[in-house]
Amino acid sequence: MAERLLVGVVVGAQGLGGVVRVKSFTANPADLAAYGPVVDDAGRSLTLSVTGETRGVVLARIEGVKDRTQAEALKGARFYVSRDALPAPAEDEFYLADLVGLAAEREDGTALGRVKAVHDFGAGEVIELEGPGATVMLPFTRAVVPVVDLAGKRVVVVPPSVIGDEDGDTEERAHQDAEAEHARH
């Protein structure tokens, strides 16, 4: 399991006084600063104070950041906290970081690869699976990932069918079509 967890990313500056706009990944966005100082990608410890919320982001002051230029320089900075600072997830909950590295398999046990990452590009979480020869991104929904088995170190994935793939197995169908075409010649 990850030793530190991503709790936010700076998406821009707000005003002239050094306030940053942060996309918060905490259950309650305003709790961004509730877990103590954050650490950025460079390993710097930063003390935040939340000053408000607007349009899906948290407004925060960072100790030592005094003006817009300094705030703008932090755009893209990711903020982490120690896993120990966060509450333990409930029995049927987990942190998305806990999924990274888990085996991904179909309902019948067929291996699909490993979970490479879980992303949120703004329209809901996406799970990235790295398999032999391919990396795919799928919506992280109960329909697509019905089972998260942390104890078993696996997730069960039901890949959505694609257009023209009613049974969800285009590779197998393509192989069968190629064999049938070859048999005709």
N, C-alpha and C. Protein backbone atom coordinates (compact mmCIF):
# COMPACT_ATOMS: atom_id res chain seq x y z
N MET A 1 0.83 -1.18 0.00
CA MET A 1 0.00 0.00 0.00
C MET A 1 0.87 1.25 0.00
N ALA A 2 0.36 2.28 -0.61
CA ALA A 2 1.10 3.53 -0.72
C ALA A 2 1.33 4.12 0.68
N GLU A 3 2.55 4.67 0.89
CA GLU A 3 2.87 5.31 2.16
C GLU A 3 2.28 6.71 2.25
N ARG A 4 2.10 7.33 1.10
CA ARG A 4 1.48 8.66 1.07
C ARG A 4 0.42 8.66 -0.02
N LEU A 5 -0.60 9.48 0.21
CA LEU A 5 -1.73 9.52 -0.70
C LEU A 5 -1.93 10.92 -1.25
N LEU A 6 -2.28 10.99 -2.51
CA LEU A 6 -2.54 12.26 -3.18
C LEU A 6 -3.85 12.84 -2.65
N VAL A 7 -3.79 14.08 -2.18
CA VAL A 7 -5.01 14.72 -1.66
C VAL A 7 -5.43 15.93 -2.48
N GLY A 8 -4.57 16.41 -3.37
CA GLY A 8 -4.95 17.56 -4.18
C GLY A 8 -3.90 17.95 -5.18
N VAL A 9 -4.31 18.76 -6.14
CA VAL A 9 -3.39 19.29 -7.15
C VAL A 9 -3.76 20.75 -7.40
N VAL A 10 -2.75 21.60 -7.50
CA VAL A 10 -2.97 23.02 -7.74
C VAL A 10 -3.35 23.21 -9.21
N VAL A 11 -4.49 23.87 -9.43
CA VAL A 11 -4.95 24.09 -10.80
C VAL A 11 -4.80 25.54 -11.23
N GLY A 12 -4.38 26.41 -10.33
CA GLY A 12 -4.16 27.80 -10.71
C GLY A 12 -4.11 28.72 -9.51
N ALA A 13 -3.97 30.01 -9.81
CA ALA A 13 -3.94 31.04 -8.79
C ALA A 13 -5.31 31.71 -8.72
N GLN A 14 -5.60 32.33 -7.58
CA GLN A 14 -6.87 33.04 -7.37
C GLN A 14 -6.53 34.43 -6.84
N GLY A 15 -6.79 35.44 -7.60
CA GLY A 15 -6.53 36.80 -7.15
C GLY A 15 -5.05 37.14 -7.14
N LEU A 16 -4.73 38.23 -6.42
CA LEU A 16 -3.36 38.74 -6.41
C LEU A 16 -2.58 38.40 -5.15
N GLY A 17 -3.27 37.90 -4.11
CA GLY A 17 -2.64 37.73 -2.81
C GLY A 17 -1.97 36.39 -2.52
N GLY A 18 -1.74 35.54 -3.52
CA GLY A 18 -1.04 34.29 -3.29
C GLY A 18 -1.92 33.09 -3.01
N VAL A 19 -3.23 33.24 -3.17
CA VAL A 19 -4.15 32.12 -2.95
C VAL A 19 -4.09 31.19 -4.16
N VAL A 20 -4.11 29.88 -3.89
CA VAL A 20 -4.12 28.89 -4.97
C VAL A 20 -5.47 28.21 -5.04
N ARG A 21 -5.83 27.74 -6.24
CA ARG A 21 -7.02 26.94 -6.46
C ARG A 21 -6.56 25.49 -6.53
N VAL A 22 -7.16 24.64 -5.70
CA VAL A 22 -6.72 23.25 -5.59
C VAL A 22 -7.88 22.31 -5.86
N LYS A 23 -7.68 21.37 -6.77
CA LYS A 23 -8.64 20.27 -6.98
C LYS A 23 -8.37 19.30 -5.85
N SER A 24 -9.33 19.17 -4.95
CA SER A 24 -9.17 18.33 -3.76
C SER A 24 -9.68 16.92 -4.04
N PHE A 25 -8.95 15.93 -3.57
CA PHE A 25 -9.35 14.53 -3.71
C PHE A 25 -9.78 13.92 -2.39
N THR A 26 -9.99 14.76 -1.38
CA THR A 26 -10.46 14.26 -0.09
C THR A 26 -11.98 14.09 -0.15
N ALA A 27 -12.53 13.24 0.71
CA ALA A 27 -13.97 12.98 0.72
C ALA A 27 -14.75 14.28 0.86
N ASN A 28 -14.34 15.13 1.78
CA ASN A 28 -14.90 16.46 1.92
C ASN A 28 -13.82 17.41 1.41
N PRO A 29 -14.01 18.05 0.26
CA PRO A 29 -12.95 18.88 -0.32
C PRO A 29 -12.35 19.90 0.64
N ALA A 30 -13.15 20.47 1.52
CA ALA A 30 -12.65 21.48 2.46
C ALA A 30 -11.71 20.90 3.50
N ASP A 31 -11.64 19.57 3.61
CA ASP A 31 -10.73 18.92 4.56
C ASP A 31 -9.30 18.84 4.06
N LEU A 32 -9.01 19.43 2.94
CA LEU A 32 -7.68 19.36 2.33
C LEU A 32 -6.56 19.64 3.33
N ALA A 33 -6.74 20.62 4.20
CA ALA A 33 -5.69 20.99 5.15
C ALA A 33 -5.88 20.33 6.52
N ALA A 34 -6.90 19.51 6.67
CA ALA A 34 -7.25 18.94 7.98
C ALA A 34 -6.29 17.85 8.44
N TYR A 35 -5.44 17.36 7.57
CA TYR A 35 -4.58 16.23 7.91
C TYR A 35 -3.15 16.64 8.20
N GLY A 36 -2.95 17.95 8.37
CA GLY A 36 -1.61 18.46 8.67
C GLY A 36 -0.92 18.94 7.41
N PRO A 37 0.37 19.24 7.52
CA PRO A 37 1.10 19.72 6.35
C PRO A 37 1.06 18.70 5.22
N VAL A 38 1.11 19.21 3.99
CA VAL A 38 1.18 18.35 2.81
C VAL A 38 2.62 18.35 2.31
N VAL A 39 2.93 17.37 1.49
CA VAL A 39 4.25 17.28 0.87
C VAL A 39 4.03 17.35 -0.64
N ASP A 40 4.85 18.16 -1.34
CA ASP A 40 4.69 18.23 -2.79
C ASP A 40 5.64 17.24 -3.47
N ASP A 41 5.63 17.22 -4.79
CA ASP A 41 6.46 16.28 -5.55
C ASP A 41 7.95 16.46 -5.28
N ALA A 42 8.36 17.68 -4.93
CA ALA A 42 9.76 17.96 -4.66
C ALA A 42 10.16 17.59 -3.23
N GLY A 43 9.18 17.12 -2.44
CA GLY A 43 9.46 16.72 -1.07
C GLY A 43 9.37 17.84 -0.06
N ARG A 44 8.93 19.01 -0.49
CA ARG A 44 8.79 20.15 0.43
C ARG A 44 7.54 19.99 1.27
N SER A 45 7.64 20.26 2.54
CA SER A 45 6.49 20.26 3.44
C SER A 45 5.85 21.64 3.39
N LEU A 46 4.53 21.66 3.13
CA LEU A 46 3.82 22.93 2.98
C LEU A 46 2.62 22.95 3.92
N THR A 47 2.42 24.10 4.58
CA THR A 47 1.28 24.25 5.45
C THR A 47 0.19 25.01 4.70
N LEU A 48 -0.97 24.40 4.61
CA LEU A 48 -2.11 24.99 3.90
C LEU A 48 -3.15 25.48 4.88
N SER A 49 -3.88 26.49 4.47
CA SER A 49 -5.10 26.87 5.19
C SER A 49 -6.17 27.12 4.14
N VAL A 50 -7.27 26.43 4.28
CA VAL A 50 -8.37 26.57 3.33
C VAL A 50 -9.12 27.85 3.64
N THR A 51 -9.34 28.66 2.58
CA THR A 51 -10.04 29.93 2.76
C THR A 51 -11.43 29.93 2.14
N GLY A 52 -11.75 28.90 1.36
CA GLY A 52 -13.07 28.82 0.75
C GLY A 52 -13.13 27.79 -0.35
N GLU A 53 -14.27 27.76 -1.03
CA GLU A 53 -14.47 26.85 -2.17
C GLU A 53 -15.17 27.63 -3.27
N THR A 54 -14.85 27.29 -4.52
CA THR A 54 -15.53 27.89 -5.66
C THR A 54 -15.39 27.00 -6.87
N ARG A 55 -16.47 26.85 -7.60
CA ARG A 55 -16.48 26.12 -8.88
C ARG A 55 -15.71 24.80 -8.84
N GLY A 56 -15.97 24.00 -7.83
CA GLY A 56 -15.37 22.67 -7.76
C GLY A 56 -13.94 22.61 -7.29
N VAL A 57 -13.40 23.72 -6.79
CA VAL A 57 -12.04 23.72 -6.26
C VAL A 57 -12.03 24.36 -4.89
N VAL A 58 -10.97 24.07 -4.16
CA VAL A 58 -10.76 24.65 -2.84
C VAL A 58 -9.79 25.82 -2.99
N LEU A 59 -10.06 26.89 -2.32
CA LEU A 59 -9.14 28.03 -2.28
C LEU A 59 -8.29 27.88 -1.03
N ALA A 60 -6.98 28.01 -1.19
CA ALA A 60 -6.10 27.80 -0.04
C ALA A 60 -4.90 28.74 -0.08
N ARG A 61 -4.47 29.09 1.11
CA ARG A 61 -3.22 29.84 1.28
C ARG A 61 -2.14 28.84 1.65
N ILE A 62 -0.96 29.08 1.15
CA ILE A 62 0.19 28.25 1.49
C ILE A 62 1.19 29.15 2.21
N GLU A 63 1.60 28.71 3.38
CA GLU A 63 2.54 29.49 4.17
C GLU A 63 3.76 29.85 3.31
N GLY A 64 4.07 31.15 3.24
CA GLY A 64 5.23 31.62 2.49
C GLY A 64 4.91 32.08 1.07
N VAL A 65 3.73 31.76 0.57
CA VAL A 65 3.33 32.20 -0.78
C VAL A 65 2.57 33.51 -0.61
N LYS A 66 3.17 34.59 -1.09
CA LYS A 66 2.64 35.93 -0.81
C LYS A 66 1.94 36.62 -1.99
N ASP A 67 2.23 36.19 -3.24
CA ASP A 67 1.63 36.91 -4.37
C ASP A 67 1.22 35.96 -5.49
N ARG A 68 0.57 36.52 -6.48
CA ARG A 68 0.05 35.73 -7.59
C ARG A 68 1.16 35.01 -8.35
N THR A 69 2.29 35.65 -8.54
CA THR A 69 3.41 35.04 -9.27
C THR A 69 3.86 33.75 -8.58
N GLN A 70 4.01 33.81 -7.26
CA GLN A 70 4.39 32.60 -6.51
C GLN A 70 3.30 31.53 -6.59
N ALA A 71 2.04 31.97 -6.52
CA ALA A 71 0.93 31.02 -6.59
C ALA A 71 0.87 30.36 -7.97
N GLU A 72 1.05 31.14 -9.03
CA GLU A 72 1.03 30.59 -10.39
C GLU A 72 2.17 29.60 -10.62
N ALA A 73 3.30 29.84 -9.97
CA ALA A 73 4.44 28.93 -10.12
C ALA A 73 4.15 27.54 -9.56
N LEU A 74 3.13 27.44 -8.71
CA LEU A 74 2.77 26.15 -8.11
C LEU A 74 1.75 25.36 -8.95
N LYS A 75 1.29 25.92 -10.05
CA LYS A 75 0.30 25.23 -10.88
C LYS A 75 0.85 23.85 -11.27
N GLY A 76 0.02 22.84 -11.05
CA GLY A 76 0.41 21.45 -11.35
C GLY A 76 1.03 20.73 -10.16
N ALA A 77 1.37 21.45 -9.10
CA ALA A 77 1.95 20.81 -7.92
C ALA A 77 0.94 19.86 -7.30
N ARG A 78 1.38 18.68 -6.98
CA ARG A 78 0.52 17.68 -6.34
C ARG A 78 0.84 17.64 -4.85
N PHE A 79 -0.20 17.53 -4.04
CA PHE A 79 -0.06 17.51 -2.59
C PHE A 79 -0.39 16.13 -2.04
N TYR A 80 0.47 15.64 -1.18
CA TYR A 80 0.32 14.32 -0.57
C TYR A 80 0.33 14.45 0.95
N VAL A 81 -0.31 13.48 1.60
CA VAL A 81 -0.19 13.36 3.05
C VAL A 81 0.16 11.91 3.35
N SER A 82 0.74 11.72 4.52
CA SER A 82 1.07 10.38 4.97
C SER A 82 -0.22 9.59 5.14
N ARG A 83 -0.18 8.35 4.74
CA ARG A 83 -1.35 7.47 4.88
C ARG A 83 -1.81 7.43 6.34
N ASP A 84 -0.86 7.48 7.27
CA ASP A 84 -1.19 7.44 8.69
C ASP A 84 -2.01 8.64 9.15
N ALA A 85 -1.94 9.75 8.42
CA ALA A 85 -2.68 10.96 8.80
C ALA A 85 -4.15 10.86 8.42
N LEU A 86 -4.48 9.95 7.52
CA LEU A 86 -5.87 9.82 7.05
C LEU A 86 -6.60 8.76 7.85
N PRO A 87 -7.91 8.88 7.94
CA PRO A 87 -8.67 7.84 8.66
C PRO A 87 -8.63 6.52 7.89
N ALA A 88 -8.69 5.43 8.62
CA ALA A 88 -8.74 4.11 7.98
C ALA A 88 -10.05 4.01 7.22
N PRO A 89 -10.01 3.45 6.01
CA PRO A 89 -11.26 3.30 5.27
C PRO A 89 -12.18 2.28 5.93
N ALA A 90 -13.47 2.46 5.76
CA ALA A 90 -14.45 1.50 6.30
C ALA A 90 -14.25 0.15 5.63
N GLU A 91 -14.89 -0.86 6.15
CA GLU A 91 -14.71 -2.23 5.68
C GLU A 91 -14.93 -2.38 4.18
N ASP A 92 -15.93 -1.73 3.64
CA ASP A 92 -16.23 -1.86 2.21
C ASP A 92 -15.68 -0.70 1.39
N GLU A 93 -14.73 0.04 1.94
CA GLU A 93 -14.12 1.17 1.24
C GLU A 93 -12.62 0.94 1.09
N PHE A 94 -12.01 1.77 0.25
CA PHE A 94 -10.56 1.68 0.02
C PHE A 94 -10.09 3.00 -0.56
N TYR A 95 -8.81 3.22 -0.49
CA TYR A 95 -8.22 4.37 -1.16
C TYR A 95 -7.85 3.93 -2.57
N LEU A 96 -8.07 4.79 -3.55
CA LEU A 96 -7.78 4.43 -4.94
C LEU A 96 -6.31 4.03 -5.12
N ALA A 97 -5.42 4.62 -4.34
CA ALA A 97 -4.00 4.27 -4.43
C ALA A 97 -3.77 2.81 -4.08
N ASP A 98 -4.66 2.21 -3.29
CA ASP A 98 -4.51 0.80 -2.90
C ASP A 98 -4.72 -0.15 -4.08
N LEU A 99 -5.33 0.34 -5.15
CA LEU A 99 -5.59 -0.52 -6.31
C LEU A 99 -4.37 -0.70 -7.20
N VAL A 100 -3.46 0.26 -7.17
CA VAL A 100 -2.29 0.21 -8.05
C VAL A 100 -1.47 -1.03 -7.72
N GLY A 101 -1.19 -1.80 -8.77
CA GLY A 101 -0.41 -3.02 -8.63
C GLY A 101 -1.23 -4.29 -8.48
N LEU A 102 -2.54 -4.15 -8.23
CA LEU A 102 -3.38 -5.34 -8.09
C LEU A 102 -3.52 -6.04 -9.44
N ALA A 103 -3.66 -7.36 -9.40
CA ALA A 103 -3.93 -8.13 -10.61
C ALA A 103 -5.33 -7.80 -11.10
N ALA A 104 -5.48 -7.72 -12.41
CA ALA A 104 -6.79 -7.51 -13.03
C ALA A 104 -7.15 -8.77 -13.79
N GLU A 105 -8.37 -9.25 -13.54
CA GLU A 105 -8.79 -10.47 -14.22
C GLU A 105 -10.27 -10.40 -14.58
N ARG A 106 -10.65 -11.22 -15.56
CA ARG A 106 -12.06 -11.32 -15.94
C ARG A 106 -12.81 -12.14 -14.89
N GLU A 107 -14.11 -12.18 -15.00
CA GLU A 107 -14.93 -12.94 -14.06
C GLU A 107 -14.57 -14.42 -14.04
N ASP A 108 -14.11 -14.96 -15.17
CA ASP A 108 -13.75 -16.37 -15.23
C ASP A 108 -12.31 -16.64 -14.76
N GLY A 109 -11.61 -15.59 -14.30
CA GLY A 109 -10.26 -15.74 -13.80
C GLY A 109 -9.16 -15.50 -14.82
N THR A 110 -9.52 -15.25 -16.07
CA THR A 110 -8.54 -14.97 -17.11
C THR A 110 -7.79 -13.68 -16.77
N ALA A 111 -6.48 -13.75 -16.79
CA ALA A 111 -5.65 -12.58 -16.45
C ALA A 111 -5.75 -11.51 -17.53
N LEU A 112 -5.89 -10.27 -17.10
CA LEU A 112 -5.91 -9.13 -18.01
C LEU A 112 -4.67 -8.26 -17.84
N GLY A 113 -3.99 -8.39 -16.72
CA GLY A 113 -2.82 -7.57 -16.45
C GLY A 113 -2.84 -7.05 -15.02
N ARG A 114 -2.36 -5.83 -14.86
CA ARG A 114 -2.28 -5.20 -13.54
C ARG A 114 -2.85 -3.79 -13.60
N VAL A 115 -3.30 -3.30 -12.46
CA VAL A 115 -3.77 -1.92 -12.37
C VAL A 115 -2.54 -1.03 -12.34
N LYS A 116 -2.43 -0.18 -13.34
CA LYS A 116 -1.30 0.74 -13.44
C LYS A 116 -1.59 2.04 -12.68
N ALA A 117 -2.84 2.52 -12.77
CA ALA A 117 -3.21 3.77 -12.12
C ALA A 117 -4.72 3.92 -12.11
N VAL A 118 -5.20 4.86 -11.30
CA VAL A 118 -6.59 5.27 -11.34
C VAL A 118 -6.56 6.78 -11.50
N HIS A 119 -7.24 7.27 -12.54
CA HIS A 119 -7.23 8.69 -12.88
C HIS A 119 -8.60 9.30 -12.69
N ASP A 120 -8.62 10.62 -12.53
CA ASP A 120 -9.86 11.37 -12.53
C ASP A 120 -9.62 12.60 -13.39
N PHE A 121 -10.13 12.55 -14.60
CA PHE A 121 -9.96 13.66 -15.54
C PHE A 121 -11.13 14.63 -15.49
N GLY A 122 -12.01 14.45 -14.52
CA GLY A 122 -13.12 15.36 -14.35
C GLY A 122 -14.49 14.76 -14.63
N ALA A 123 -14.54 13.62 -15.28
CA ALA A 123 -15.84 13.01 -15.60
C ALA A 123 -16.01 11.68 -14.89
N GLY A 124 -15.30 11.49 -13.80
CA GLY A 124 -15.36 10.24 -13.06
C GLY A 124 -14.05 9.48 -13.16
N GLU A 125 -13.86 8.56 -12.25
CA GLU A 125 -12.60 7.82 -12.22
C GLU A 125 -12.47 6.87 -13.40
N VAL A 126 -11.22 6.70 -13.83
CA VAL A 126 -10.87 5.80 -14.92
C VAL A 126 -9.76 4.90 -14.40
N ILE A 127 -9.90 3.59 -14.60
CA ILE A 127 -8.87 2.64 -14.17
C ILE A 127 -8.01 2.30 -15.37
N GLU A 128 -6.70 2.38 -15.18
CA GLU A 128 -5.75 2.08 -16.26
C GLU A 128 -5.15 0.71 -15.99
N LEU A 129 -5.34 -0.19 -16.95
CA LEU A 129 -4.84 -1.56 -16.83
C LEU A 129 -3.69 -1.75 -17.81
N GLU A 130 -2.62 -2.34 -17.31
CA GLU A 130 -1.47 -2.63 -18.15
C GLU A 130 -1.40 -4.13 -18.33
N GLY A 131 -1.54 -4.56 -19.58
CA GLY A 131 -1.53 -5.99 -19.87
C GLY A 131 -0.45 -6.30 -20.86
N PRO A 132 -0.35 -7.55 -21.25
CA PRO A 132 0.67 -7.92 -22.22
C PRO A 132 0.43 -7.23 -23.56
N GLY A 133 1.33 -6.32 -23.90
CA GLY A 133 1.25 -5.65 -25.18
C GLY A 133 0.27 -4.51 -25.29
N ALA A 134 -0.48 -4.20 -24.25
CA ALA A 134 -1.46 -3.12 -24.35
C ALA A 134 -1.76 -2.51 -22.99
N THR A 135 -2.08 -1.24 -23.02
CA THR A 135 -2.57 -0.54 -21.84
C THR A 135 -3.94 -0.01 -22.22
N VAL A 136 -4.93 -0.25 -21.36
CA VAL A 136 -6.29 0.22 -21.64
C VAL A 136 -6.80 1.02 -20.44
N MET A 137 -7.69 1.93 -20.75
CA MET A 137 -8.35 2.72 -19.71
C MET A 137 -9.83 2.42 -19.79
N LEU A 138 -10.42 2.12 -18.65
CA LEU A 138 -11.83 1.77 -18.56
C LEU A 138 -12.50 2.61 -17.48
N PRO A 139 -13.79 2.86 -17.61
CA PRO A 139 -14.47 3.59 -16.53
C PRO A 139 -14.41 2.77 -15.24
N PHE A 140 -14.11 3.44 -14.15
CA PHE A 140 -14.05 2.76 -12.86
C PHE A 140 -15.44 2.84 -12.24
N THR A 141 -16.30 1.93 -12.68
CA THR A 141 -17.67 1.84 -12.18
C THR A 141 -17.90 0.42 -11.66
N ARG A 142 -18.97 0.24 -10.90
CA ARG A 142 -19.30 -1.11 -10.41
C ARG A 142 -19.61 -2.06 -11.56
N ALA A 143 -20.16 -1.55 -12.66
CA ALA A 143 -20.48 -2.40 -13.80
C ALA A 143 -19.20 -2.94 -14.45
N VAL A 144 -18.16 -2.14 -14.52
CA VAL A 144 -16.91 -2.55 -15.16
C VAL A 144 -15.97 -3.22 -14.17
N VAL A 145 -15.94 -2.75 -12.94
CA VAL A 145 -15.09 -3.34 -11.89
C VAL A 145 -16.00 -3.72 -10.73
N PRO A 146 -16.68 -4.87 -10.86
CA PRO A 146 -17.64 -5.25 -9.82
C PRO A 146 -17.01 -5.76 -8.53
N VAL A 147 -15.74 -6.19 -8.60
CA VAL A 147 -15.09 -6.75 -7.41
C VAL A 147 -13.74 -6.10 -7.20
N VAL A 148 -13.54 -5.56 -5.99
CA VAL A 148 -12.23 -5.10 -5.54
C VAL A 148 -11.90 -5.97 -4.34
N ASP A 149 -10.92 -6.82 -4.51
CA ASP A 149 -10.53 -7.79 -3.48
C ASP A 149 -9.12 -7.46 -3.01
N LEU A 150 -9.01 -6.53 -2.04
CA LEU A 150 -7.69 -6.12 -1.56
C LEU A 150 -6.95 -7.28 -0.91
N ALA A 151 -7.65 -8.10 -0.14
CA ALA A 151 -7.01 -9.24 0.52
C ALA A 151 -6.46 -10.22 -0.51
N GLY A 152 -7.19 -10.42 -1.59
CA GLY A 152 -6.76 -11.33 -2.65
C GLY A 152 -5.85 -10.65 -3.67
N LYS A 153 -5.59 -9.35 -3.49
CA LYS A 153 -4.73 -8.56 -4.36
C LYS A 153 -5.16 -8.62 -5.82
N ARG A 154 -6.50 -8.42 -6.03
CA ARG A 154 -7.02 -8.48 -7.40
C ARG A 154 -8.27 -7.63 -7.55
N VAL A 155 -8.55 -7.27 -8.78
CA VAL A 155 -9.83 -6.67 -9.15
C VAL A 155 -10.41 -7.53 -10.27
N VAL A 156 -11.71 -7.64 -10.28
CA VAL A 156 -12.40 -8.35 -11.35
C VAL A 156 -12.94 -7.29 -12.30
N VAL A 157 -12.66 -7.47 -13.59
CA VAL A 157 -13.03 -6.49 -14.60
C VAL A 157 -13.95 -7.14 -15.63
N VAL A 158 -15.04 -6.44 -15.94
CA VAL A 158 -15.96 -6.84 -16.99
C VAL A 158 -15.83 -5.76 -18.07
N PRO A 159 -14.93 -5.97 -19.04
CA PRO A 159 -14.74 -4.93 -20.05
C PRO A 159 -16.02 -4.64 -20.81
N PRO A 160 -16.31 -3.37 -21.02
CA PRO A 160 -17.52 -3.05 -21.78
C PRO A 160 -17.35 -3.49 -23.22
N SER A 161 -18.45 -3.89 -23.84
CA SER A 161 -18.37 -4.26 -25.25
C SER A 161 -18.22 -2.99 -26.07
N VAL A 162 -17.64 -3.15 -27.25
CA VAL A 162 -17.45 -2.01 -28.13
C VAL A 162 -18.37 -2.17 -29.33
N ILE A 163 -18.54 -1.14 -30.09
CA ILE A 163 -19.41 -1.17 -31.26
C ILE A 163 -19.00 -2.33 -32.16
N GLY A 164 -19.95 -3.14 -32.54
CA GLY A 164 -19.66 -4.28 -33.41
C GLY A 164 -19.12 -5.47 -32.66
N ASP A 165 -19.12 -5.41 -31.33
CA ASP A 165 -18.57 -6.48 -30.51
C ASP A 165 -19.61 -6.88 -29.47
N GLU A 166 -20.70 -7.47 -29.94
CA GLU A 166 -21.81 -7.78 -29.06
C GLU A 166 -21.44 -8.72 -27.93
N ASP A 167 -20.50 -9.63 -28.17
CA ASP A 167 -20.15 -10.58 -27.11
C ASP A 167 -18.91 -10.15 -26.33
N GLY A 168 -18.34 -8.99 -26.65
CA GLY A 168 -17.23 -8.45 -25.87
C GLY A 168 -15.89 -9.10 -26.14
N ASP A 169 -15.74 -9.88 -27.24
CA ASP A 169 -14.47 -10.56 -27.48
C ASP A 169 -14.03 -10.38 -28.93
N THR A 170 -13.60 -9.18 -29.28
CA THR A 170 -13.22 -8.89 -30.66
C THR A 170 -11.98 -9.65 -31.08
N GLU A 171 -11.03 -9.84 -30.18
CA GLU A 171 -9.80 -10.57 -30.54
C GLU A 171 -10.12 -11.99 -30.98
N GLU A 172 -10.94 -12.68 -30.20
CA GLU A 172 -11.29 -14.06 -30.54
C GLU A 172 -12.05 -14.10 -31.85
N ARG A 173 -12.98 -13.18 -32.04
CA ARG A 173 -13.74 -13.16 -33.29
C ARG A 173 -12.83 -12.86 -34.47
N ALA A 174 -11.90 -11.92 -34.32
CA ALA A 174 -10.96 -11.60 -35.39
C ALA A 174 -10.12 -12.83 -35.74
N HIS A 175 -9.70 -13.57 -34.73
CA HIS A 175 -8.91 -14.79 -34.95
C HIS A 175 -9.73 -15.82 -35.70
N GLN A 176 -10.98 -16.01 -35.30
CA GLN A 176 -11.85 -16.98 -35.97
C GLN A 176 -12.12 -16.55 -37.41
N ASP A 177 -12.34 -15.24 -37.64
CA ASP A 177 -12.56 -14.75 -38.99
C ASP A 177 -11.34 -14.98 -39.87
N ALA A 178 -10.15 -14.75 -39.32
CA ALA A 178 -8.91 -14.96 -40.08
C ALA A 178 -8.75 -16.43 -40.44
N GLU A 179 -9.06 -17.34 -39.50
CA GLU A 179 -8.96 -18.77 -39.78
C GLU A 179 -9.96 -19.18 -40.86
N ALA A 180 -11.17 -18.65 -40.79
CA ALA A 180 -12.19 -18.97 -41.79
C ALA A 180 -11.78 -18.45 -43.17
N GLU A 181 -11.22 -17.26 -43.22
CA GLU A 181 -10.74 -16.70 -44.48
C GLU A 181 -9.61 -17.52 -45.05
N HIS A 182 -8.70 -17.95 -44.20
CA HIS A 182 -7.58 -18.77 -44.63
C HIS A 182 -8.06 -20.13 -45.17
N ALA A 183 -9.08 -20.71 -44.53
CA ALA A 183 -9.62 -22.00 -44.95
C ALA A 183 -10.28 -21.91 -46.32
N ARG A 184 -10.80 -20.73 -46.69
CA ARG A 184 -11.45 -20.56 -47.98
C ARG A 184 -10.45 -20.57 -49.13
N HIS A 185 -9.22 -20.26 -48.86
CA HIS A 185 -8.20 -20.16 -49.94
C HIS A 185 -7.43 -21.41 -50.10
